[in-house]
C-alpha atoms as a PDB file:
ATOM      1  CA  MET A   1      31.901 -38.917  35.829  1.00  0.00           C
ATOM      2  CA  PRO A   2      31.728 -36.110  33.579  1.00  0.00           C
ATOM      3  CA  ARG A   3      31.874 -32.272  34.683  1.00  0.00           C
ATOM      4  CA  ALA A   4      29.968 -29.036  33.649  1.00  0.00           C
ATOM      5  CA  GLY A   5      32.418 -26.953  32.047  1.00  0.00           C
ATOM      6  CA  LEU A   6      33.071 -24.400  29.817  1.00  0.00           C
ATOM      7  CA  SER A   7      35.569 -24.278  26.762  1.00  0.00           C
ATOM      8  CA  LEU A   8      37.164 -21.316  24.208  1.00  0.00           C
ATOM      9  CA  LEU A   9      36.785 -24.080  21.324  1.00  0.00           C
ATOM     10  CA  GLY A  10      35.890 -21.593  19.531  1.00  0.00           C
ATOM     11  CA  PHE A  11      38.975 -20.294  19.165  1.00  0.00           C
ATOM     12  CA  MET A  12      40.182 -24.049  17.413  1.00  0.00           C
ATOM     13  CA  ASN A  13      39.714 -25.079  13.991  1.00  0.00           C
ATOM     14  CA  GLN A  14      37.413 -27.094  12.326  1.00  0.00           C
ATOM     15  CA  ASP A  15      39.685 -30.587  13.237  1.00  0.00           C
ATOM     16  CA  ALA A  16      41.418 -29.388  16.592  1.00  0.00           C
ATOM     17  CA  ALA A  17      37.688 -28.878  18.076  1.00  0.00           C
ATOM     18  CA  LEU A  18      36.090 -32.049  16.544  1.00  0.00           C
ATOM     19  CA  ASN A  19      39.399 -33.843  18.018  1.00  0.00           C
ATOM     20  CA  TYR A  20      39.085 -31.034  21.260  1.00  0.00           C
ATOM     21  CA  LEU A  21      35.331 -32.758  22.016  1.00  0.00           C
ATOM     22  CA  ARG A  22      36.005 -36.014  21.565  1.00  0.00           C
ATOM     23  CA  SER A  23      39.322 -36.410  23.842  1.00  0.00           C
ATOM     24  CA  TRP A  24      38.686 -34.040  26.499  1.00  0.00           C
ATOM     25  CA  CYS A  25      35.352 -33.569  26.599  1.00  0.00           C
ATOM     26  CA  VAL A  26      31.267 -36.420  26.188  1.00  0.00           C
ATOM     27  CA  PRO A  27      29.417 -34.997  23.944  1.00  0.00           C
ATOM     28  CA  VAL A  28      25.971 -36.172  23.906  1.00  0.00           C
ATOM     29  CA  ASP A  29      26.116 -36.974  19.736  1.00  0.00           C
ATOM     30  CA  ASP A  30      30.090 -37.701  18.755  1.00  0.00           C
ATOM     31  CA  SER A  31      29.414 -37.608  15.041  1.00  0.00           C
ATOM     32  CA  ASP A  32      30.841 -35.125  12.863  1.00  0.00           C
ATOM     33  CA  VAL A  33      27.431 -33.624  11.872  1.00  0.00           C
ATOM     34  CA  ALA A  34      26.678 -32.799  15.354  1.00  0.00           C
ATOM     35  CA  LEU A  35      30.350 -31.725  16.625  1.00  0.00           C
ATOM     36  CA  ILE A  36      31.013 -29.636  13.779  1.00  0.00           C
ATOM     37  CA  ALA A  37      27.829 -27.635  15.074  1.00  0.00           C
ATOM     38  CA  GLU A  38      28.676 -27.445  18.207  1.00  0.00           C
ATOM     39  CA  TRP A  39      31.886 -25.627  16.744  1.00  0.00           C
ATOM     40  CA  HIS A  40      29.472 -23.732  14.735  1.00  0.00           C
ATOM     41  CA  ALA A  41      28.175 -22.567  18.120  1.00  0.00           C
ATOM     42  CA  ALA A  42      31.217 -22.130  19.598  1.00  0.00           C
ATOM     43  CA  ARG A  43      32.798 -19.585  17.131  1.00  0.00           C
ATOM     44  CA  ALA A  44      28.992 -17.918  16.847  1.00  0.00           C
ATOM     45  CA  ALA A  45      28.884 -16.842  20.899  1.00  0.00           C
ATOM     46  CA  ARG A  46      33.236 -15.817  20.590  1.00  0.00           C
ATOM     47  CA  GLY A  47      32.172 -12.260  19.143  1.00  0.00           C
ATOM     48  CA  ASN A  48      34.697  -9.770  18.571  1.00  0.00           C
ATOM     49  CA  PRO A  49      38.229  -9.501  19.629  1.00  0.00           C
ATOM     50  CA  THR A  50      38.638  -8.190  22.949  1.00  0.00           C
ATOM     51  CA  PRO A  51      39.551  -4.686  23.487  1.00  0.00           C
ATOM     52  CA  ASN A  52      43.416  -4.661  24.539  1.00  0.00           C
ATOM     53  CA  ALA A  53      43.508  -7.822  24.721  1.00  0.00           C
ATOM     54  CA  GLY A  54      46.787  -8.739  27.066  1.00  0.00           C
ATOM     55  CA  ASN A  55      47.363  -5.279  28.189  1.00  0.00           C
ATOM     56  CA  PRO A  56      45.417  -4.599  31.343  1.00  0.00           C
ATOM     57  CA  ALA A  57      45.581  -1.807  33.553  1.00  0.00           C
ATOM     58  CA  ILE A  58      47.550  -2.904  36.515  1.00  0.00           C
ATOM     59  CA  GLN A  59      48.225  -0.673  39.576  1.00  0.00           C
ATOM     60  CA  PRO A  60      50.577  -1.947  42.885  1.00  0.00           C
ATOM     61  CA  LEU A  61      48.943  -2.936  45.741  1.00  0.00           C
ATOM     62  CA  SER A  62      49.453  -1.921  48.723  1.00  0.00           C
ATOM     63  CA  THR A  63      52.246  -3.582  50.961  1.00  0.00           C
ATOM     64  CA  ALA A  64      51.655  -1.687  53.598  1.00  0.00           C
ATOM     65  CA  HIS A  65      47.870  -4.007  53.953  1.00  0.00           C
ATOM     66  CA  PRO A  66      48.085  -6.186  56.582  1.00  0.00           C
ATOM     67  CA  TYR A  67      47.100  -9.421  55.158  1.00  0.00           C
ATOM     68  CA  VAL A  68      49.906  -8.347  52.078  1.00  0.00           C
ATOM     69  CA  GLN A  69      52.223  -7.934  54.508  1.00  0.00           C
ATOM     70  CA  GLN A  70      51.750 -11.456  55.893  1.00  0.00           C
ATOM     71  CA  PHE A  71      51.075 -12.803  52.960  1.00  0.00           C
ATOM     72  CA  ASP A  72      54.731 -11.251  51.843  1.00  0.00           C
ATOM     73  CA  GLY A  73      55.891 -12.709  54.961  1.00  0.00           C
ATOM     74  CA  LYS A  74      54.765 -16.449  54.047  1.00  0.00           C
ATOM     75  CA  TRP A  75      55.758 -16.983  50.649  1.00  0.00           C
ATOM     76  CA  ALA A  76      58.990 -14.600  50.645  1.00  0.00           C
ATOM     77  CA  PRO A  77      61.601 -17.454  50.383  1.00  0.00           C
ATOM     78  CA  PHE A  78      59.506 -18.673  47.831  1.00  0.00           C
ATOM     79  CA  PHE A  79      59.890 -15.236  45.750  1.00  0.00           C
ATOM     80  CA  ALA A  80      63.827 -14.810  46.477  1.00  0.00           C
ATOM     81  CA  ARG A  81      64.192 -17.522  43.662  1.00  0.00           C
ATOM     82  CA  TRP A  82      62.130 -15.324  41.249  1.00  0.00           C
ATOM     83  CA  GLU A  83      62.812 -11.283  39.945  1.00  0.00           C
ATOM     84  CA  GLY A  84      60.272  -8.841  39.828  1.00  0.00           C
ATOM     85  CA  VAL A  85      57.713 -10.564  41.822  1.00  0.00           C
ATOM     86  CA  SER A  86      55.685  -7.731  42.930  1.00  0.00           C
ATOM     87  CA  PHE A  87      52.005  -7.635  44.101  1.00  0.00           C
ATOM     88  CA  GLN A  88      49.411  -5.730  41.494  1.00  0.00           C
ATOM     89  CA  ILE A  89      45.954  -5.159  41.111  1.00  0.00           C
ATOM     90  CA  VAL A  90      44.970  -6.432  37.789  1.00  0.00           C
ATOM     91  CA  GLU A  91      41.974  -5.675  35.413  1.00  0.00           C
ATOM     92  CA  ILE A  92      40.251  -9.469  34.564  1.00  0.00           C
ATOM     93  CA  ASP A  93      39.471  -9.389  31.376  1.00  0.00           C
ATOM     94  CA  PRO A  94      42.113  -8.482  28.396  1.00  0.00           C
ATOM     95  CA  LEU A  95      44.239 -11.121  30.297  1.00  0.00           C
ATOM     96  CA  LEU A  96      44.936 -13.823  27.573  1.00  0.00           C
ATOM     97  CA  ALA A  97      44.161 -16.915  28.649  1.00  0.00           C
ATOM     98  CA  TYR A  98      45.934 -20.400  27.531  1.00  0.00           C
ATOM     99  CA  GLN A  99      44.096 -23.249  28.946  1.00  0.00           C
ATOM    100  CA  ILE A 100      41.210 -24.082  27.341  1.00  0.00           C
ATOM    101  CA  ALA A 101      38.153 -24.859  30.574  1.00  0.00           C
ATOM    102  CA  VAL A 102      36.982 -24.421  33.408  1.00  0.00           C
ATOM    103  CA  GLU A 103      34.788 -26.562  35.298  1.00  0.00           C
ATOM    104  CA  THR A 104      31.749 -24.356  36.480  1.00  0.00           C
ATOM    105  CA  ALA A 105      31.723 -26.256  40.359  1.00  0.00           C
ATOM    106  CA  ARG A 106      35.154 -24.580  40.913  1.00  0.00           C
ATOM    107  CA  LEU A 107      34.164 -21.802  39.822  1.00  0.00           C
ATOM    108  CA  ASP A 108      31.283 -22.025  42.913  1.00  0.00           C
ATOM    109  CA  HIS A 109      33.430 -23.451  45.522  1.00  0.00           C
ATOM    110  CA  HIS A 110      35.910 -20.257  44.795  1.00  0.00           C
ATOM    111  CA  CYS A 111      33.341 -17.720  44.993  1.00  0.00           C
ATOM    112  CA  ALA A 112      29.999 -18.749  45.724  1.00  0.00           C
ATOM    113  CA  MET A 113      30.128 -16.534  48.834  1.00  0.00           C
ATOM    114  CA  LEU A 114      31.415 -13.170  46.959  1.00  0.00           C
ATOM    115  CA  THR A 115      29.214 -10.201  47.667  1.00  0.00           C
ATOM    116  CA  GLN A 116      28.592  -9.102  44.311  1.00  0.00           C
ATOM    117  CA  PRO A 117      30.652  -7.053  43.101  1.00  0.00           C
ATOM    118  CA  PRO A 118      33.053  -8.153  45.840  1.00  0.00           C
ATOM    119  CA  ALA A 119      35.914  -5.567  48.117  1.00  0.00           C
ATOM    120  CA  ILE A 120      39.753  -6.457  47.162  1.00  0.00           C
ATOM    121  CA  ASP A 121      39.357  -6.907  51.298  1.00  0.00           C
ATOM    122  CA  GLU A 122      37.179 -10.011  49.946  1.00  0.00           C
ATOM    123  CA  LEU A 123      39.453 -11.008  47.555  1.00  0.00           C
ATOM    124  CA  LEU A 124      42.567 -11.520  49.054  1.00  0.00           C
ATOM    125  CA  PRO A 125      42.007 -14.300  50.545  1.00  0.00           C
ATOM    126  CA  ILE A 126      41.077 -16.074  47.520  1.00  0.00           C
ATOM    127  CA  CYS A 127      43.446 -14.936  45.572  1.00  0.00           C
ATOM    128  CA  LEU A 128      46.544 -14.825  47.598  1.00  0.00           C
ATOM    129  CA  PRO A 129      46.004 -17.778  49.714  1.00  0.00           C
ATOM    130  CA  LEU A 130      48.374 -18.058  52.915  1.00  0.00           C
ATOM    131  CA  ALA A 131      48.870 -22.212  52.368  1.00  0.00           C
ATOM    132  CA  SER A 132      48.517 -24.439  49.787  1.00  0.00           C
ATOM    133  CA  GLN A 133      45.478 -26.688  49.407  1.00  0.00           C
ATOM    134  CA  SER A 134      45.908 -30.026  50.330  1.00  0.00           C
ATOM    135  CA  GLU A 135      44.923 -32.885  47.823  1.00  0.00           C
ATOM    136  CA  GLU A 136      44.271 -36.440  48.647  1.00  0.00           C
ATOM    137  CA  VAL A 137      47.226 -38.740  46.880  1.00  0.00           C
ATOM    138  CA  ARG A 138      46.426 -42.603  46.805  1.00  0.00           C
ATOM    139  CA  LEU A 139      49.766 -44.410  46.369  1.00  0.00           C
ATOM    140  CA  ALA A 140      49.704 -47.976  45.052  1.00  0.00           C
ATOM    141  CA  ARG A 141      53.193 -49.859  45.599  1.00  0.00           C
ATOM    142  CA  THR A 142      54.116 -52.846  43.927  1.00  0.00           C
ATOM    143  CA  PRO A 143      57.740 -54.745  45.022  1.00  0.00           C
ATOM    144  CA  GLN A 144      59.708 -52.413  42.489  1.00  0.00           C
ATOM    145  CA  SER A 145      57.562 -49.434  41.738  1.00  0.00           C
ATOM    146  CA  ILE A 146      54.882 -47.135  43.367  1.00  0.00           C
ATOM    147  CA  MET A 147      52.301 -45.174  41.089  1.00  0.00           C
ATOM    148  CA  ALA A 148      50.646 -41.301  43.341  1.00  0.00           C
ATOM    149  CA  ARG A 149      46.938 -40.920  41.704  1.00  0.00           C
ATOM    150  CA  ALA A 150      45.121 -37.729  42.257  1.00  0.00           C
ATOM    151  CA  LYS A 151      42.143 -36.452  41.347  1.00  0.00           C
ATOM    152  CA  ALA A 152      43.385 -32.511  41.451  1.00  0.00           C
ATOM    153  CA  LEU A 153      45.078 -31.626  38.153  1.00  0.00           C
ATOM    154  CA  ASN A 154      47.333 -28.896  40.416  1.00  0.00           C
ATOM    155  CA  VAL A 155      49.296 -32.229  42.016  1.00  0.00           C
ATOM    156  CA  HIS A 156      52.408 -32.581  40.044  1.00  0.00           C
ATOM    157  CA  THR A 157      56.745 -33.122  40.519  1.00  0.00           C
ATOM    158  CA  THR A 158      58.556 -30.908  41.835  1.00  0.00           C
ATOM    159  CA  LEU A 159      61.677 -31.912  41.481  1.00  0.00           C
ATOM    160  CA  THR A 160      62.668 -35.135  39.939  1.00  0.00           C
ATOM    161  CA  GLY A 161      66.365 -37.633  39.340  1.00  0.00           C
ATOM    162  CA  LEU A 162      69.359 -36.699  41.785  1.00  0.00           C
ATOM    163  CA  ILE A 163      67.146 -35.167  45.051  1.00  0.00           C
ATOM    164  CA  ASN A 164      70.211 -35.048  47.074  1.00  0.00           C
ATOM    165  CA  SER A 165      73.344 -36.819  47.321  1.00  0.00           C
ATOM    166  CA  SER A 166      71.272 -40.209  48.795  1.00  0.00           C
ATOM    167  CA  PHE A 167      67.998 -40.408  46.916  1.00  0.00           C
ATOM    168  CA  LEU A 168      67.185 -40.068  43.506  1.00  0.00           C
ATOM    169  CA  GLY A 169      63.681 -40.007  42.029  1.00  0.00           C
ATOM    170  CA  ILE A 170      60.886 -37.606  42.774  1.00  0.00           C
ATOM    171  CA  GLU A 171      59.195 -34.908  44.194  1.00  0.00           C
ATOM    172  CA  PHE A 172      56.018 -33.983  44.014  1.00  0.00           C
ATOM    173  CA  GLY A 173      53.098 -31.307  45.758  1.00  0.00           C
ATOM    174  CA  SER A 174      50.288 -28.794  44.765  1.00  0.00           C
ATOM    175  CA  ALA A 175      50.775 -26.279  42.136  1.00  0.00           C
ATOM    176  CA  LEU A 176      51.324 -23.003  43.632  1.00  0.00           C
ATOM    177  CA  PRO A 177      48.005 -21.785  45.380  1.00  0.00           C
ATOM    178  CA  PHE A 178      48.104 -17.787  43.915  1.00  0.00           C
ATOM    179  CA  VAL A 179      46.844 -15.718  41.508  1.00  0.00           C
ATOM    180  CA  HIS A 180      49.798 -15.480  39.195  1.00  0.00           C
ATOM    181  CA  VAL A 181      50.413 -12.894  35.914  1.00  0.00           C
ATOM    182  CA  ALA A 182      53.219 -13.238  33.934  1.00  0.00           C
ATOM    183  CA  ARG A 183      53.805 -10.512  31.212  1.00  0.00           C
ATOM    184  CA  TYR A 184      56.312 -11.368  28.485  1.00  0.00           C
ATOM    185  CA  ASN A 185      57.154  -9.805  25.093  1.00  0.00           C
ATOM    186  CA  ASN A 186      54.736  -6.523  26.397  1.00  0.00           C
ATOM    187  CA  ARG A 187      51.737  -8.814  26.769  1.00  0.00           C
ATOM    188  CA  CYS A 188      49.991 -10.211  30.464  1.00  0.00           C
ATOM    189  CA  TYR A 189      48.691 -13.999  30.894  1.00  0.00           C
ATOM    190  CA  LEU A 190      47.136 -15.689  33.314  1.00  0.00           C
ATOM    191  CA  THR A 191      49.433 -18.040  34.270  1.00  0.00           C
ATOM    192  CA  ASN A 192      47.512 -20.033  37.750  1.00  0.00           C
ATOM    193  CA  GLY A 193      44.066 -19.231  39.104  1.00  0.00           C
ATOM    194  CA  PHE A 194      41.672 -19.318  36.054  1.00  0.00           C
ATOM    195  CA  HIS A 195      38.876 -20.770  37.700  1.00  0.00           C
ATOM    196  CA  ARG A 196      39.194 -18.093  40.667  1.00  0.00           C
ATOM    197  CA  ALA A 197      39.544 -15.619  37.586  1.00  0.00           C
ATOM    198  CA  VAL A 198      36.414 -16.277  36.505  1.00  0.00           C
ATOM    199  CA  GLY A 199      34.188 -17.122  39.378  1.00  0.00           C
ATOM    200  CA  ILE A 200      35.479 -13.072  40.802  1.00  0.00           C
ATOM    201  CA  ARG A 201      34.351 -12.037  37.515  1.00  0.00           C
ATOM    202  CA  SER A 202      31.394 -13.446  37.503  1.00  0.00           C
ATOM    203  CA  ALA A 203      30.428 -12.275  40.773  1.00  0.00           C
ATOM    204  CA  GLY A 204      30.734  -8.329  39.167  1.00  0.00           C
ATOM    205  CA  ALA A 205      34.956  -7.157  39.904  1.00  0.00           C
ATOM    206  CA  THR A 206      36.427  -5.665  37.316  1.00  0.00           C
ATOM    207  CA  HIS A 207      40.307  -6.349  38.916  1.00  0.00           C
ATOM    208  CA  MET A 208      41.710  -8.768  41.234  1.00  0.00           C
ATOM    209  CA  PRO A 209      44.972  -8.705  43.330  1.00  0.00           C
ATOM    210  CA  CYS A 210      47.084 -11.306  42.274  1.00  0.00           C
ATOM    211  CA  VAL A 211      51.745 -11.963  41.852  1.00  0.00           C
ATOM    212  CA  PHE A 212      53.048 -10.638  39.014  1.00  0.00           C
ATOM    213  CA  ARG A 213      56.160 -10.539  36.954  1.00  0.00           C
ATOM    214  CA  ASP A 214      57.848 -10.408  34.032  1.00  0.00           C
ATOM    215  CA  VAL A 215      59.201 -13.432  32.272  1.00  0.00           C
ATOM    216  CA  GLN A 216      62.001 -13.675  29.720  1.00  0.00           C
ATOM    217  CA  PHE A 217      61.018 -16.666  27.964  1.00  0.00           C
ATOM    218  CA  VAL A 218      57.544 -18.086  26.777  1.00  0.00           C
ATOM    219  CA  ASP A 219      57.907 -21.414  28.531  1.00  0.00           C
ATOM    220  CA  GLU A 220      57.630 -19.161  32.041  1.00  0.00           C
ATOM    221  CA  ILE A 221      54.245 -19.277  31.455  1.00  0.00           C
ATOM    222  CA  GLY A 222      52.862 -22.472  31.286  1.00  0.00           C
ATOM    223  CA  PHE A 223      51.544 -24.071  27.524  1.00  0.00           C
ATOM    224  CA  SER A 224      51.576 -27.690  27.988  1.00  0.00           C
ATOM    225  CA  ASP A 225      51.493 -29.973  24.345  1.00  0.00           C
ATOM    226  CA  ASP A 226      48.675 -32.542  25.986  1.00  0.00           C
ATOM    227  CA  GLY A 227      46.044 -30.551  24.314  1.00  0.00           C
ATOM    228  CA  ARG A 228      44.138 -28.597  27.068  1.00  0.00           C
ATOM    229  CA  THR A 229      46.117 -25.131  26.465  1.00  0.00           C
ATOM    230  CA  PHE A 230      46.237 -22.970  23.748  1.00  0.00           C
ATOM    231  CA  THR A 231      49.478 -22.404  21.593  1.00  0.00           C
ATOM    232  CA  PRO A 232      51.769 -19.725  21.619  1.00  0.00           C
ATOM    233  CA  SER A 233      51.147 -18.161  18.667  1.00  0.00           C
ATOM    234  CA  LEU A 234      47.404 -18.067  19.245  1.00  0.00           C
ATOM    235  CA  LEU A 235      48.348 -16.267  22.045  1.00  0.00           C
ATOM    236  CA  GLU A 236      50.270 -13.288  20.293  1.00  0.00           C
ATOM    237  CA  SER A 237      47.666 -13.313  17.528  1.00  0.00           C
ATOM    238  CA  GLU A 238      45.208 -10.051  16.831  1.00  0.00           C
ATOM    239  CA  ASP A 239      42.216 -12.406  18.353  1.00  0.00           C
ATOM    240  CA  PRO A 240      43.703 -14.512  21.239  1.00  0.00           C
ATOM    241  CA  PRO A 241      41.684 -15.886  23.739  1.00  0.00           C
ATOM    242  CA  THR A 242      41.233 -13.629  26.842  1.00  0.00           C
ATOM    243  CA  LEU A 243      39.126 -13.785  30.495  1.00  0.00           C
ATOM    244  CA  ALA A 244      36.505 -12.120  28.695  1.00  0.00           C
ATOM    245  CA  HIS A 245      35.971 -14.559  26.954  1.00  0.00           C
ATOM    246  CA  PHE A 246      34.973 -17.139  29.697  1.00  0.00           C
ATOM    247  CA  ALA A 247      33.245 -14.551  32.295  1.00  0.00           C
ATOM    248  CA  ARG A 248      30.934 -12.504  29.897  1.00  0.00           C
ATOM    249  CA  GLY A 249      29.006 -15.349  28.310  1.00  0.00           C
ATOM    250  CA  ARG A 250      30.807 -16.417  25.607  1.00  0.00           C
ATOM    251  CA  ALA A 251      32.434 -19.675  26.209  1.00  0.00           C
ATOM    252  CA  HIS A 252      30.380 -22.258  24.718  1.00  0.00           C
ATOM    253  CA  ALA A 253      28.979 -24.683  27.599  1.00  0.00           C
ATOM    254  CA  VAL A 254      31.024 -28.643  27.457  1.00  0.00           C
ATOM    255  CA  SER A 255      30.655 -31.663  29.545  1.00  0.00           C
ATOM    256  CA  LEU A 256      34.543 -32.212  30.791  1.00  0.00           C
ATOM    257  CA  ARG A 257      35.686 -35.635  30.905  1.00  0.00           C
ATOM    258  CA  SER A 258      36.915 -36.863  34.468  1.00  0.00           C
ATOM    259  CA  LEU A 259      40.930 -37.072  34.792  1.00  0.00           C
ATOM    260  CA  SER A 260      42.999 -38.341  37.519  1.00  0.00           C
ATOM    261  CA  ARG A 261      47.301 -37.227  37.786  1.00  0.00           C
ATOM    262  CA  VAL A 262      49.237 -40.068  37.968  1.00  0.00           C
ATOM    263  CA  LEU A 263      52.503 -39.945  39.280  1.00  0.00           C
ATOM    264  CA  HIS A 264      54.270 -43.590  38.164  1.00  0.00           C
ATOM    265  CA  VAL A 265      58.094 -44.609  39.774  1.00  0.00           C
ATOM    266  CA  SER A 266      59.619 -47.895  39.374  1.00  0.00           C
ATOM    267  CA  TRP A 267      63.226 -48.884  39.946  1.00  0.00           C
ATOM    268  CA  ALA A 268      65.482 -51.618  38.761  1.00  0.00           C
ATOM    269  CA  GLN A 269      69.231 -52.688  40.970  1.00  0.00           C
ATOM    270  CA  TYR A 270      71.115 -55.844  39.197  1.00  0.00           C
ATOM    271  CA  THR A 271      74.939 -55.692  38.605  1.00  0.00           C
ATOM    272  CA  VAL A 272      76.887 -55.888  35.772  1.00  0.00           C
ATOM    273  CA  PRO A 273      80.762 -57.196  35.473  1.00  0.00           C
ATOM    274  CA  GLU A 274      83.387 -54.539  34.311  1.00  0.00           C
ATOM    275  CA  GLU A 275      84.911 -54.101  31.159  1.00  0.00           C
END
């Protein structure tokens, strides 16, 4: 079943927008005339560039806060892999948004119970949860393959290849659960937590807590080449998509196709003669 969503397709050129609407959405009318009209409406709603795009106000989140101490203790082994991790409170609107769409139902799932505007203490468990959310994964097996299927797209491979000296294959799990902001080339990108960020902004909050770090390479941000994210060049432009476009009534309403994550592994064993 299609899912109600909000999209920033107004940042695309016409050909890309029509391809996006046909590939990732379920339009009521998929004729060129109807889709071009949708694209024009999305461009009009997008409005003027966001002031200070990529340069939000940032202030430290006190590590003396009991919840922050608990969160840090929980995730410390993971954070040890990264350099320069800190906990910050960031301004939401100017954050650069590489993700093209969000699902309306997931905004409510995360943020429907928030007061308006919510206090920081309300936002801490939402933005910095202590545990990953468990996702349902269904397995199907044949004698020489196995397939994992999940409705949640945050299920993904975490390791591939030679896992250890006697295990060859893949390891999978859920994506990291916290709101994550990365600063690359002096511009701040939201890299995880889009639904929470949009829901929090819609509830009236202007700032949110997050895990924050500086990165050296653009591929650390999370761009994909499957058509579900914008390109780095657009995010580096003078008029990039930001969280303000999602949460300030400037996104275009769409019906998103339902998607599933599929992980498929096959194997073979055979004997060959030595040369």
